[in-house]
Amino acid sequence: MERNRRSTFQGVVTSCKNAKTITVTVSTKRNDPLYRKRVSYSKKYRAHDEKEEARVGDTVTIMACRPLSATKRFRLVSIDKRAISVTSVEESESALEAKEGVEEAVSTSHKEESAPEAKEE
């Protein structure tokens, strides 16, 4: 089968826990024959990610290929849109402190505030 004619899908990565494997959920809509309404449905595909660069929430394009395992029949072509990464509060604060160089100022002002409270008691 030629590479031009292989089926491609665009979907969202829902899992990247396995080594070199991502799970992509592809959502589409079609008309219901009985009720004449648009119904959405989704299907999950396992895709091969050689460099392990896709993360959960990324919008990716996958292409059909030869069977790579019992469940993998697709490979990652491109990452179209990156997901916004969520960092913890501690990581954000430490990154800001390192960037601004405020770590010493914060720690000294904290010590000054705690010292008078000890004297009052």
PDB file of N, CA and C in Angstrom:
ATOM      1  N   MET A   1       0.852  -1.178   0.000  1.00  0.00           N
ATOM      2  CA  MET A   1       0.000   0.000   0.000  1.00  0.00           C
ATOM      3  C   MET A   1       0.895   1.237   0.000  1.00  0.00           C
ATOM      4  N   GLU A   2       0.569   2.177  -0.848  1.00  0.00           N
ATOM      5  CA  GLU A   2       1.372   3.394  -0.938  1.00  0.00           C
ATOM      6  C   GLU A   2       1.166   4.269   0.273  1.00  0.00           C
ATOM      7  N   ARG A   3       2.184   5.044   0.608  1.00  0.00           N
ATOM      8  CA  ARG A   3       2.101   5.915   1.770  1.00  0.00           C
ATOM      9  C   ARG A   3       1.056   7.006   1.583  1.00  0.00           C
ATOM     10  N   ASN A   4       0.804   7.426   0.373  1.00  0.00           N
ATOM     11  CA  ASN A   4      -0.180   8.487   0.121  1.00  0.00           C
ATOM     12  C   ASN A   4      -1.596   8.015   0.418  1.00  0.00           C
ATOM     13  N   ARG A   5      -1.854   6.737   0.231  1.00  0.00           N
ATOM     14  CA  ARG A   5      -3.216   6.228   0.365  1.00  0.00           C
ATOM     15  C   ARG A   5      -3.521   5.653   1.745  1.00  0.00           C
ATOM     16  N   ARG A   6      -2.553   5.650   2.626  1.00  0.00           N
ATOM     17  CA  ARG A   6      -2.785   5.095   3.958  1.00  0.00           C
ATOM     18  C   ARG A   6      -3.713   6.013   4.746  1.00  0.00           C
ATOM     19  N   SER A   7      -4.566   5.399   5.546  1.00  0.00           N
ATOM     20  CA  SER A   7      -5.528   6.200   6.302  1.00  0.00           C
ATOM     21  C   SER A   7      -4.828   6.931   7.437  1.00  0.00           C
ATOM     22  N   THR A   8      -5.200   8.193   7.610  1.00  0.00           N
ATOM     23  CA  THR A   8      -4.658   9.011   8.682  1.00  0.00           C
ATOM     24  C   THR A   8      -5.807   9.530   9.531  1.00  0.00           C
ATOM     25  N   PHE A   9      -5.567   9.667  10.821  1.00  0.00           N
ATOM     26  CA  PHE A   9      -6.553  10.189  11.752  1.00  0.00           C
ATOM     27  C   PHE A   9      -5.904  11.251  12.613  1.00  0.00           C
ATOM     28  N   GLN A  10      -6.732  12.182  13.059  1.00  0.00           N
ATOM     29  CA  GLN A  10      -6.266  13.191  13.997  1.00  0.00           C
ATOM     30  C   GLN A  10      -7.055  13.016  15.285  1.00  0.00           C
ATOM     31  N   GLY A  11      -6.343  12.942  16.418  1.00  0.00           N
ATOM     32  CA  GLY A  11      -7.005  12.724  17.689  1.00  0.00           C
ATOM     33  C   GLY A  11      -6.179  13.247  18.849  1.00  0.00           C
ATOM     34  N   VAL A  12      -6.659  12.966  20.050  1.00  0.00           N
ATOM     35  CA  VAL A  12      -6.030  13.443  21.272  1.00  0.00           C
ATOM     36  C   VAL A  12      -5.401  12.261  22.007  1.00  0.00           C
ATOM     37  N   VAL A  13      -4.177  12.451  22.493  1.00  0.00           N
ATOM     38  CA  VAL A  13      -3.481  11.399  23.235  1.00  0.00           C
ATOM     39  C   VAL A  13      -4.129  11.273  24.609  1.00  0.00           C
ATOM     40  N   THR A  14      -4.590  10.066  24.955  1.00  0.00           N
ATOM     41  CA  THR A  14      -5.231   9.841  26.246  1.00  0.00           C
ATOM     42  C   THR A  14      -4.341   9.048  27.196  1.00  0.00           C
ATOM     43  N   SER A  15      -3.304   8.375  26.670  1.00  0.00           N
ATOM     44  CA  SER A  15      -2.406   7.623  27.529  1.00  0.00           C
ATOM     45  C   SER A  15      -1.047   7.499  26.853  1.00  0.00           C
ATOM     46  N   CYS A  16       0.012   7.629  27.668  1.00  0.00           N
ATOM     47  CA  CYS A  16       1.363   7.409  27.153  1.00  0.00           C
ATOM     48  C   CYS A  16       2.178   6.631  28.178  1.00  0.00           C
ATOM     49  N   LYS A  17       1.528   5.718  28.885  1.00  0.00           N
ATOM     50  CA  LYS A  17       2.179   4.975  29.963  1.00  0.00           C
ATOM     51  C   LYS A  17       3.066   3.845  29.453  1.00  0.00           C
ATOM     52  N   ASN A  18       2.713   3.253  28.338  1.00  0.00           N
ATOM     53  CA  ASN A  18       3.501   2.141  27.812  1.00  0.00           C
ATOM     54  C   ASN A  18       4.726   2.661  27.074  1.00  0.00           C
ATOM     55  N   ALA A  19       5.772   1.848  27.014  1.00  0.00           N
ATOM     56  CA  ALA A  19       6.998   2.240  26.331  1.00  0.00           C
ATOM     57  C   ALA A  19       6.763   2.299  24.826  1.00  0.00           C
ATOM     58  N   LYS A  20       7.063   3.445  24.226  1.00  0.00           N
ATOM     59  CA  LYS A  20       6.963   3.685  22.785  1.00  0.00           C
ATOM     60  C   LYS A  20       5.558   3.452  22.231  1.00  0.00           C
ATOM     61  N   THR A  21       4.541   3.561  23.072  1.00  0.00           N
ATOM     62  CA  THR A  21       3.162   3.372  22.638  1.00  0.00           C
ATOM     63  C   THR A  21       2.292   4.478  23.223  1.00  0.00           C
ATOM     64  N   ILE A  22       1.440   5.052  22.394  1.00  0.00           N
ATOM     65  CA  ILE A  22       0.463   6.036  22.861  1.00  0.00           C
ATOM     66  C   ILE A  22      -0.928   5.548  22.494  1.00  0.00           C
ATOM     67  N   THR A  23      -1.906   5.958  23.271  1.00  0.00           N
ATOM     68  CA  THR A  23      -3.297   5.668  22.964  1.00  0.00           C
ATOM     69  C   THR A  23      -3.936   6.963  22.505  1.00  0.00           C
ATOM     70  N   VAL A  24      -4.503   6.946  21.313  1.00  0.00           N
ATOM     71  CA  VAL A  24      -5.092   8.140  20.708  1.00  0.00           C
ATOM     72  C   VAL A  24      -6.592   7.932  20.583  1.00  0.00           C
ATOM     73  N   THR A  25      -7.378   8.901  21.080  1.00  0.00           N
ATOM     74  CA  THR A  25      -8.829   8.850  20.945  1.00  0.00           C
ATOM     75  C   THR A  25      -9.237   9.746  19.796  1.00  0.00           C
ATOM     76  N   VAL A  26      -9.897   9.157  18.803  1.00  0.00           N
ATOM     77  CA  VAL A  26     -10.359   9.893  17.634  1.00  0.00           C
ATOM     78  C   VAL A  26     -11.872  10.048  17.745  1.00  0.00           C
ATOM     79  N   SER A  27     -12.347  11.294  17.770  1.00  0.00           N
ATOM     80  CA  SER A  27     -13.783  11.578  17.887  1.00  0.00           C
ATOM     81  C   SER A  27     -14.311  12.074  16.550  1.00  0.00           C
ATOM     82  N   THR A  28     -15.442  11.510  16.144  1.00  0.00           N
ATOM     83  CA  THR A  28     -16.093  11.930  14.906  1.00  0.00           C
ATOM     84  C   THR A  28     -17.602  11.997  15.122  1.00  0.00           C
ATOM     85  N   LYS A  29     -18.298  12.535  14.129  1.00  0.00           N
ATOM     86  CA  LYS A  29     -19.759  12.614  14.186  1.00  0.00           C
ATOM     87  C   LYS A  29     -20.334  12.028  12.908  1.00  0.00           C
ATOM     88  N   ARG A  30     -21.512  11.431  13.044  1.00  0.00           N
ATOM     89  CA  ARG A  30     -22.218  10.927  11.858  1.00  0.00           C
ATOM     90  C   ARG A  30     -23.718  11.036  12.098  1.00  0.00           C
ATOM     91  N   ASN A  31     -24.484  10.944  11.044  1.00  0.00           N
ATOM     92  CA  ASN A  31     -25.936  11.052  11.143  1.00  0.00           C
ATOM     93  C   ASN A  31     -26.537   9.714  11.554  1.00  0.00           C
ATOM     94  N   ASP A  32     -27.450   9.777  12.518  1.00  0.00           N
ATOM     95  CA  ASP A  32     -28.153   8.582  12.939  1.00  0.00           C
ATOM     96  C   ASP A  32     -29.251   8.298  11.922  1.00  0.00           C
ATOM     97  N   PRO A  33     -29.339   7.073  11.378  1.00  0.00           N
ATOM     98  CA  PRO A  33     -30.326   6.791  10.336  1.00  0.00           C
ATOM     99  C   PRO A  33     -31.776   6.841  10.832  1.00  0.00           C
ATOM    100  N   LEU A  34     -32.012   6.486  12.085  1.00  0.00           N
ATOM    101  CA  LEU A  34     -33.373   6.438  12.605  1.00  0.00           C
ATOM    102  C   LEU A  34     -33.854   7.809  13.091  1.00  0.00           C
ATOM    103  N   TYR A  35     -33.042   8.471  13.900  1.00  0.00           N
ATOM    104  CA  TYR A  35     -33.479   9.719  14.522  1.00  0.00           C
ATOM    105  C   TYR A  35     -33.085  10.969  13.740  1.00  0.00           C
ATOM    106  N   ARG A  36     -32.296  10.811  12.687  1.00  0.00           N
ATOM    107  CA  ARG A  36     -31.901  11.932  11.836  1.00  0.00           C
ATOM    108  C   ARG A  36     -31.192  13.042  12.613  1.00  0.00           C
ATOM    109  N   LYS A  37     -30.353  12.661  13.547  1.00  0.00           N
ATOM    110  CA  LYS A  37     -29.577  13.635  14.329  1.00  0.00           C
ATOM    111  C   LYS A  37     -28.106  13.278  14.259  1.00  0.00           C
ATOM    112  N   ARG A  38     -27.253  14.300  14.487  1.00  0.00           N
ATOM    113  CA  ARG A  38     -25.817  14.083  14.523  1.00  0.00           C
ATOM    114  C   ARG A  38     -25.434  13.453  15.858  1.00  0.00           C
ATOM    115  N   VAL A  39     -24.756  12.323  15.780  1.00  0.00           N
ATOM    116  CA  VAL A  39     -24.339  11.606  16.972  1.00  0.00           C
ATOM    117  C   VAL A  39     -22.812  11.539  16.963  1.00  0.00           C
ATOM    118  N   SER A  40     -22.210  11.864  18.104  1.00  0.00           N
ATOM    119  CA  SER A  40     -20.750  11.782  18.176  1.00  0.00           C
ATOM    120  C   SER A  40     -20.345  10.441  18.759  1.00  0.00           C
ATOM    121  N   TYR A  41     -19.242   9.920  18.262  1.00  0.00           N
ATOM    122  CA  TYR A  41     -18.689   8.686  18.787  1.00  0.00           C
ATOM    123  C   TYR A  41     -17.170   8.789  18.734  1.00  0.00           C
ATOM    124  N   SER A  42     -16.523   7.944  19.505  1.00  0.00           N
ATOM    125  CA  SER A  42     -15.066   7.980  19.536  1.00  0.00           C
ATOM    126  C   SER A  42     -14.524   6.553  19.501  1.00  0.00           C
ATOM    127  N   LYS A  43     -13.283   6.460  19.061  1.00  0.00           N
ATOM    128  CA  LYS A  43     -12.618   5.170  18.962  1.00  0.00           C
ATOM    129  C   LYS A  43     -11.173   5.364  19.389  1.00  0.00           C
ATOM    130  N   LYS A  44     -10.635   4.366  20.091  1.00  0.00           N
ATOM    131  CA  LYS A  44      -9.259   4.440  20.563  1.00  0.00           C
ATOM    132  C   LYS A  44      -8.350   3.613  19.660  1.00  0.00           C
ATOM    133  N   TYR A  45      -7.201   4.189  19.344  1.00  0.00           N
ATOM    134  CA  TYR A  45      -6.183   3.510  18.553  1.00  0.00           C
ATOM    135  C   TYR A  45      -4.874   3.514  19.321  1.00  0.00           C
ATOM    136  N   ARG A  46      -4.115   2.404  19.212  1.00  0.00           N
ATOM    137  CA  ARG A  46      -2.773   2.356  19.776  1.00  0.00           C
ATOM    138  C   ARG A  46      -1.814   2.714  18.651  1.00  0.00           C
ATOM    139  N   ALA A  47      -0.878   3.611  18.935  1.00  0.00           N
ATOM    140  CA  ALA A  47       0.065   4.063  17.912  1.00  0.00           C
ATOM    141  C   ALA A  47       1.492   3.965  18.435  1.00  0.00           C
ATOM    142  N   HIS A  48       2.424   3.770  17.522  1.00  0.00           N
ATOM    143  CA  HIS A  48       3.837   3.645  17.861  1.00  0.00           C
ATOM    144  C   HIS A  48       4.467   5.035  17.901  1.00  0.00           C
ATOM    145  N   ASP A  49       5.110   5.363  19.018  1.00  0.00           N
ATOM    146  CA  ASP A  49       5.801   6.636  19.200  1.00  0.00           C
ATOM    147  C   ASP A  49       7.258   6.327  19.496  1.00  0.00           C
ATOM    148  N   GLU A  50       8.078   6.295  18.457  1.00  0.00           N
ATOM    149  CA  GLU A  50       9.468   5.853  18.584  1.00  0.00           C
ATOM    150  C   GLU A  50      10.274   6.720  19.553  1.00  0.00           C
ATOM    151  N   LYS A  51      10.143   8.037  19.469  1.00  0.00           N
ATOM    152  CA  LYS A  51      10.950   8.950  20.288  1.00  0.00           C
ATOM    153  C   LYS A  51      10.297   9.280  21.628  1.00  0.00           C
ATOM    154  N   GLU A  52       9.115   8.784  21.862  1.00  0.00           N
ATOM    155  CA  GLU A  52       8.355   9.037  23.092  1.00  0.00           C
ATOM    156  C   GLU A  52       8.220  10.532  23.373  1.00  0.00           C
ATOM    157  N   GLU A  53       7.791  11.275  22.358  1.00  0.00           N
ATOM    158  CA  GLU A  53       7.680  12.724  22.503  1.00  0.00           C
ATOM    159  C   GLU A  53       6.256  13.207  22.727  1.00  0.00           C
ATOM    160  N   ALA A  54       5.245  12.399  22.492  1.00  0.00           N
ATOM    161  CA  ALA A  54       3.855  12.804  22.699  1.00  0.00           C
ATOM    162  C   ALA A  54       3.474  12.651  24.165  1.00  0.00           C
ATOM    163  N   ARG A  55       2.679  13.578  24.659  1.00  0.00           N
ATOM    164  CA  ARG A  55       2.215  13.573  26.048  1.00  0.00           C
ATOM    165  C   ARG A  55       0.694  13.583  26.074  1.00  0.00           C
ATOM    166  N   VAL A  56       0.120  13.295  27.225  1.00  0.00           N
ATOM    167  CA  VAL A  56      -1.335  13.272  27.371  1.00  0.00           C
ATOM    168  C   VAL A  56      -1.891  14.669  27.093  1.00  0.00           C
ATOM    169  N   GLY A  57      -2.919  14.724  26.251  1.00  0.00           N
ATOM    170  CA  GLY A  57      -3.556  15.985  25.909  1.00  0.00           C
ATOM    171  C   GLY A  57      -3.099  16.568  24.592  1.00  0.00           C
ATOM    172  N   ASP A  58      -2.019  16.059  24.019  1.00  0.00           N
ATOM    173  CA  ASP A  58      -1.538  16.553  22.732  1.00  0.00           C
ATOM    174  C   ASP A  58      -2.483  16.127  21.616  1.00  0.00           C
ATOM    175  N   THR A  59      -2.645  16.986  20.623  1.00  0.00           N
ATOM    176  CA  THR A  59      -3.392  16.643  19.422  1.00  0.00           C
ATOM    177  C   THR A  59      -2.384  16.144  18.397  1.00  0.00           C
ATOM    178  N   VAL A  60      -2.583  14.909  17.926  1.00  0.00           N
ATOM    179  CA  VAL A  60      -1.605  14.267  17.045  1.00  0.00           C
ATOM    180  C   VAL A  60      -2.272  13.724  15.787  1.00  0.00           C
ATOM    181  N   THR A  61      -1.427  13.434  14.788  1.00  0.00           N
ATOM    182  CA  THR A  61      -1.869  12.768  13.571  1.00  0.00           C
ATOM    183  C   THR A  61      -1.193  11.413  13.524  1.00  0.00           C
ATOM    184  N   ILE A  62      -1.986  10.356  13.292  1.00  0.00           N
ATOM    185  CA  ILE A  62      -1.450   9.004  13.198  1.00  0.00           C
ATOM    186  C   ILE A  62      -1.767   8.431  11.821  1.00  0.00           C
ATOM    187  N   MET A  63      -0.933   7.494  11.376  1.00  0.00           N
ATOM    188  CA  MET A  63      -1.090   6.889  10.050  1.00  0.00           C
ATOM    189  C   MET A  63      -1.039   5.375  10.174  1.00  0.00           C
ATOM    190  N   ALA A  64      -1.814   4.685   9.356  1.00  0.00           N
ATOM    191  CA  ALA A  64      -1.832   3.224   9.355  1.00  0.00           C
ATOM    192  C   ALA A  64      -0.493   2.687   8.864  1.00  0.00           C
ATOM    193  N   CYS A  65      -0.087   1.560   9.437  1.00  0.00           N
ATOM    194  CA  CYS A  65       1.148   0.903   9.015  1.00  0.00           C
ATOM    195  C   CYS A  65       0.990  -0.604   9.221  1.00  0.00           C
ATOM    196  N   ARG A  66       2.051  -1.333   9.015  1.00  0.00           N
ATOM    197  CA  ARG A  66       1.995  -2.784   9.209  1.00  0.00           C
ATOM    198  C   ARG A  66       1.778  -3.079  10.692  1.00  0.00           C
ATOM    199  N   PRO A  67       1.279  -4.248  11.033  1.00  0.00           N
ATOM    200  CA  PRO A  67       1.089  -4.575  12.450  1.00  0.00           C
ATOM    201  C   PRO A  67       2.428  -4.605  13.195  1.00  0.00           C
ATOM    202  N   LEU A  68       2.515  -3.795  14.252  1.00  0.00           N
ATOM    203  CA  LEU A  68       3.740  -3.718  15.044  1.00  0.00           C
ATOM    204  C   LEU A  68       3.656  -4.580  16.300  1.00  0.00           C
ATOM    205  N   SER A  69       2.445  -4.862  16.759  1.00  0.00           N
ATOM    206  CA  SER A  69       2.233  -5.748  17.905  1.00  0.00           C
ATOM    207  C   SER A  69       0.810  -6.273  17.809  1.00  0.00           C
ATOM    208  N   ALA A  70       0.337  -6.873  18.877  1.00  0.00           N
ATOM    209  CA  ALA A  70      -1.010  -7.432  18.867  1.00  0.00           C
ATOM    210  C   ALA A  70      -2.072  -6.347  18.724  1.00  0.00           C
ATOM    211  N   THR A  71      -1.797  -5.135  19.222  1.00  0.00           N
ATOM    212  CA  THR A  71      -2.804  -4.070  19.178  1.00  0.00           C
ATOM    213  C   THR A  71      -2.370  -2.857  18.373  1.00  0.00           C
ATOM    214  N   LYS A  72      -1.081  -2.682  18.099  1.00  0.00           N
ATOM    215  CA  LYS A  72      -0.596  -1.491  17.395  1.00  0.00           C
ATOM    216  C   LYS A  72      -0.640  -1.681  15.883  1.00  0.00           C
ATOM    217  N   ARG A  73      -1.403  -0.794  15.224  1.00  0.00           N
ATOM    218  CA  ARG A  73      -1.506  -0.808  13.768  1.00  0.00           C
ATOM    219  C   ARG A  73      -1.267   0.580  13.179  1.00  0.00           C
ATOM    220  N   PHE A  74      -0.870   1.533  14.005  1.00  0.00           N
ATOM    221  CA  PHE A  74      -0.664   2.913  13.563  1.00  0.00           C
ATOM    222  C   PHE A  74       0.665   3.425  14.083  1.00  0.00           C
ATOM    223  N   ARG A  75       1.161   4.494  13.454  1.00  0.00           N
ATOM    224  CA  ARG A  75       2.370   5.145  13.926  1.00  0.00           C
ATOM    225  C   ARG A  75       2.127   6.645  13.994  1.00  0.00           C
ATOM    226  N   LEU A  76       2.879   7.307  14.854  1.00  0.00           N
ATOM    227  CA  LEU A  76       2.762   8.749  15.029  1.00  0.00           C
ATOM    228  C   LEU A  76       3.410   9.459  13.854  1.00  0.00           C
ATOM    229  N   VAL A  77       2.658  10.371  13.220  1.00  0.00           N
ATOM    230  CA  VAL A  77       3.189  11.141  12.107  1.00  0.00           C
ATOM    231  C   VAL A  77       3.686  12.492  12.598  1.00  0.00           C
ATOM    232  N   SER A  78       2.817  13.215  13.332  1.00  0.00           N
ATOM    233  CA  SER A  78       3.202  14.545  13.804  1.00  0.00           C
ATOM    234  C   SER A  78       2.394  14.916  15.038  1.00  0.00           C
ATOM    235  N   ILE A  79       2.961  15.842  15.802  1.00  0.00           N
ATOM    236  CA  ILE A  79       2.253  16.428  16.936  1.00  0.00           C
ATOM    237  C   ILE A  79       1.761  17.786  16.477  1.00  0.00           C
ATOM    238  N   ASP A  80       0.444  17.917  16.332  1.00  0.00           N
ATOM    239  CA  ASP A  80      -0.131  19.139  15.772  1.00  0.00           C
ATOM    240  C   ASP A  80      -0.243  20.253  16.796  1.00  0.00           C
ATOM    241  N   LYS A  81      -0.630  19.904  18.016  1.00  0.00           N
ATOM    242  CA  LYS A  81      -0.826  20.918  19.050  1.00  0.00           C
ATOM    243  C   LYS A  81      -0.420  20.332  20.392  1.00  0.00           C
ATOM    244  N   ARG A  82       0.455  21.039  21.090  1.00  0.00           N
ATOM    245  CA  ARG A  82       0.918  20.589  22.405  1.00  0.00           C
ATOM    246  C   ARG A  82      -0.096  20.942  23.478  1.00  0.00           C
ATOM    247  N   ALA A  83      -0.227  20.076  24.478  1.00  0.00           N
ATOM    248  CA  ALA A  83      -1.099  20.343  25.614  1.00  0.00           C
ATOM    249  C   ALA A  83      -0.374  21.265  26.584  1.00  0.00           C
ATOM    250  N   ILE A  84      -1.143  22.028  27.338  1.00  0.00           N
ATOM    251  CA  ILE A  84      -0.562  22.890  28.350  1.00  0.00           C
ATOM    252  C   ILE A  84      -0.141  22.010  29.514  1.00  0.00           C
ATOM    253  N   SER A  85       1.138  22.101  29.890  1.00  0.00           N
ATOM    254  CA  SER A  85       1.634  21.256  30.980  1.00  0.00           C
ATOM    255  C   SER A  85       1.270  21.881  32.315  1.00  0.00           C
ATOM    256  N   VAL A  86       0.855  21.027  33.232  1.00  0.00           N
ATOM    257  CA  VAL A  86       0.461  21.471  34.561  1.00  0.00           C
ATOM    258  C   VAL A  86       1.613  21.167  35.515  1.00  0.00           C
ATOM    259  N   THR A  87       2.094  22.205  36.208  1.00  0.00           N
ATOM    260  CA  THR A  87       3.168  22.007  37.168  1.00  0.00           C
ATOM    261  C   THR A  87       2.645  22.261  38.569  1.00  0.00           C
ATOM    262  N   SER A  88       3.316  21.698  39.538  1.00  0.00           N
ATOM    263  CA  SER A  88       2.898  21.889  40.919  1.00  0.00           C
ATOM    264  C   SER A  88       3.292  23.276  41.399  1.00  0.00           C
ATOM    265  N   VAL A  89       2.723  23.710  42.506  1.00  0.00           N
ATOM    266  CA  VAL A  89       2.980  25.027  43.065  1.00  0.00           C
ATOM    267  C   VAL A  89       4.440  25.153  43.487  1.00  0.00           C
ATOM    268  N   GLU A  90       4.978  24.100  44.092  1.00  0.00           N
ATOM    269  CA  GLU A  90       6.366  24.136  44.549  1.00  0.00           C
ATOM    270  C   GLU A  90       7.327  24.317  43.379  1.00  0.00           C
ATOM    271  N   GLU A  91       7.075  23.592  42.271  1.00  0.00           N
ATOM    272  CA  GLU A  91       7.935  23.721  41.099  1.00  0.00           C
ATOM    273  C   GLU A  91       7.865  25.127  40.523  1.00  0.00           C
ATOM    274  N   SER A  92       6.673  25.710  40.475  1.00  0.00           N
ATOM    275  CA  SER A  92       6.503  27.051  39.941  1.00  0.00           C
ATOM    276  C   SER A  92       7.222  28.080  40.800  1.00  0.00           C
ATOM    277  N   GLU A  93       7.071  27.970  42.116  1.00  0.00           N
ATOM    278  CA  GLU A  93       7.715  28.914  43.016  1.00  0.00           C
ATOM    279  C   GLU A  93       9.232  28.813  42.950  1.00  0.00           C
ATOM    280  N   SER A  94       9.765  27.601  42.915  1.00  0.00           N
ATOM    281  CA  SER A  94      11.217  27.444  42.848  1.00  0.00           C
ATOM    282  C   SER A  94      11.762  27.977  41.527  1.00  0.00           C
ATOM    283  N   ALA A  95      11.015  27.801  40.434  1.00  0.00           N
ATOM    284  CA  ALA A  95      11.456  28.327  39.144  1.00  0.00           C
ATOM    285  C   ALA A  95      11.458  29.855  39.150  1.00  0.00           C
ATOM    286  N   LEU A  96      10.425  30.451  39.756  1.00  0.00           N
ATOM    287  CA  LEU A  96      10.387  31.915  39.847  1.00  0.00           C
ATOM    288  C   LEU A  96      11.495  32.453  40.732  1.00  0.00           C
ATOM    289  N   GLU A  97      11.756  31.790  41.853  1.00  0.00           N
ATOM    290  CA  GLU A  97      12.811  32.234  42.756  1.00  0.00           C
ATOM    291  C   GLU A  97      14.169  32.146  42.085  1.00  0.00           C
ATOM    292  N   ALA A  98      14.404  31.094  41.346  1.00  0.00           N
ATOM    293  CA  ALA A  98      15.678  30.953  40.649  1.00  0.00           C
ATOM    294  C   ALA A  98      15.825  32.005  39.559  1.00  0.00           C
ATOM    295  N   LYS A  99      14.729  32.314  38.889  1.00  0.00           N
ATOM    296  CA  LYS A  99      14.765  33.295  37.806  1.00  0.00           C
ATOM    297  C   LYS A  99      14.996  34.702  38.353  1.00  0.00           C
ATOM    298  N   GLU A 100      14.327  35.060  39.431  1.00  0.00           N
ATOM    299  CA  GLU A 100      14.401  36.414  39.956  1.00  0.00           C
ATOM    300  C   GLU A 100      15.491  36.589  41.003  1.00  0.00           C
ATOM    301  N   GLY A 101      15.990  35.518  41.574  1.00  0.00           N
ATOM    302  CA  GLY A 101      17.010  35.608  42.602  1.00  0.00           C
ATOM    303  C   GLY A 101      16.477  36.170  43.904  1.00  0.00           C
ATOM    304  N   VAL A 102      15.260  35.807  44.268  1.00  0.00           N
ATOM    305  CA  VAL A 102      14.597  36.352  45.446  1.00  0.00           C
ATOM    306  C   VAL A 102      14.631  35.372  46.615  1.00  0.00           C
ATOM    307  N   GLU A 103      15.256  34.250  46.429  1.00  0.00           N
ATOM    308  CA  GLU A 103      15.233  33.211  47.456  1.00  0.00           C
ATOM    309  C   GLU A 103      15.806  33.708  48.781  1.00  0.00           C
ATOM    310  N   GLU A 104      16.958  34.418  48.735  1.00  0.00           N
ATOM    311  CA  GLU A 104      17.566  34.905  49.973  1.00  0.00           C
ATOM    312  C   GLU A 104      16.720  35.987  50.618  1.00  0.00           C
ATOM    313  N   ALA A 105      16.130  36.867  49.815  1.00  0.00           N
ATOM    314  CA  ALA A 105      15.323  37.958  50.363  1.00  0.00           C
ATOM    315  C   ALA A 105      14.086  37.415  51.056  1.00  0.00           C
ATOM    316  N   VAL A 106      13.499  36.396  50.502  1.00  0.00           N
ATOM    317  CA  VAL A 106      12.302  35.814  51.101  1.00  0.00           C
ATOM    318  C   VAL A 106      12.657  35.111  52.403  1.00  0.00           C
ATOM    319  N   SER A 107      13.748  34.369  52.409  1.00  0.00           N
ATOM    320  CA  SER A 107      14.110  33.620  53.609  1.00  0.00           C
ATOM    321  C   SER A 107      14.542  34.556  54.736  1.00  0.00           C
ATOM    322  N   THR A 108      15.250  35.676  54.448  1.00  0.00           N
ATOM    323  CA  THR A 108      15.671  36.600  55.503  1.00  0.00           C
ATOM    324  C   THR A 108      14.497  37.384  56.051  1.00  0.00           C
ATOM    325  N   SER A 109      13.570  37.790  55.189  1.00  0.00           N
ATOM    326  CA  SER A 109      12.413  38.532  55.680  1.00  0.00           C
ATOM    327  C   SER A 109      11.520  37.632  56.529  1.00  0.00           C
ATOM    328  N   HIS A 110      11.492  36.363  56.221  1.00  0.00           N
ATOM    329  CA  HIS A 110      10.696  35.419  57.002  1.00  0.00           C
ATOM    330  C   HIS A 110      11.302  35.247  58.401  1.00  0.00           C
ATOM    331  N   LYS A 111      12.631  35.211  58.478  1.00  0.00           N
ATOM    332  CA  LYS A 111      13.295  35.080  59.776  1.00  0.00           C
ATOM    333  C   LYS A 111      13.077  36.326  60.630  1.00  0.00           C
ATOM    334  N   GLU A 112      13.111  37.521  59.991  1.00  0.00           N
ATOM    335  CA  GLU A 112      12.914  38.772  60.723  1.00  0.00           C
ATOM    336  C   GLU A 112      11.512  38.853  61.305  1.00  0.00           C
ATOM    337  N   GLU A 113      10.527  38.359  60.559  1.00  0.00           N
ATOM    338  CA  GLU A 113       9.142  38.412  61.033  1.00  0.00           C
ATOM    339  C   GLU A 113       8.927  37.447  62.200  1.00  0.00           C
ATOM    340  N   SER A 114       9.573  36.298  62.162  1.00  0.00           N
ATOM    341  CA  SER A 114       9.363  35.305  63.211  1.00  0.00           C
ATOM    342  C   SER A 114      10.116  35.674  64.491  1.00  0.00           C
ATOM    343  N   ALA A 115      11.205  36.421  64.405  1.00  0.00           N
ATOM    344  CA  ALA A 115      11.994  36.777  65.574  1.00  0.00           C
ATOM    345  C   ALA A 115      11.235  37.694  66.552  1.00  0.00           C
ATOM    346  N   PRO A 116      10.570  38.791  66.118  1.00  0.00           N
ATOM    347  CA  PRO A 116       9.845  39.631  67.066  1.00  0.00           C
ATOM    348  C   PRO A 116       8.688  38.895  67.741  1.00  0.00           C
ATOM    349  N   GLU A 117       8.064  37.958  67.059  1.00  0.00           N
ATOM    350  CA  GLU A 117       6.957  37.217  67.656  1.00  0.00           C
ATOM    351  C   GLU A 117       7.453  36.380  68.834  1.00  0.00           C
ATOM    352  N   ALA A 118       8.652  35.861  68.721  1.00  0.00           N
ATOM    353  CA  ALA A 118       9.208  35.038  69.808  1.00  0.00           C
ATOM    354  C   ALA A 118       9.511  35.904  71.036  1.00  0.00           C
ATOM    355  N   LYS A 119       9.939  37.145  70.813  1.00  0.00           N
ATOM    356  CA  LYS A 119      10.282  38.039  71.913  1.00  0.00           C
ATOM    357  C   LYS A 119       9.023  38.488  72.664  1.00  0.00           C
ATOM    358  N   GLU A 120       7.899  38.680  71.961  1.00  0.00           N
ATOM    359  CA  GLU A 120       6.667  39.151  72.578  1.00  0.00           C
ATOM    360  C   GLU A 120       6.080  38.111  73.521  1.00  0.00           C
ATOM    361  N   GLU A 121       6.257  36.879  73.244  1.00  0.00           N
ATOM    362  CA  GLU A 121       5.690  35.800  74.073  1.00  0.00           C
ATOM    363  C   GLU A 121       6.426  35.615  75.296  1.00  0.00           C
TER     364      GLU A 121
END
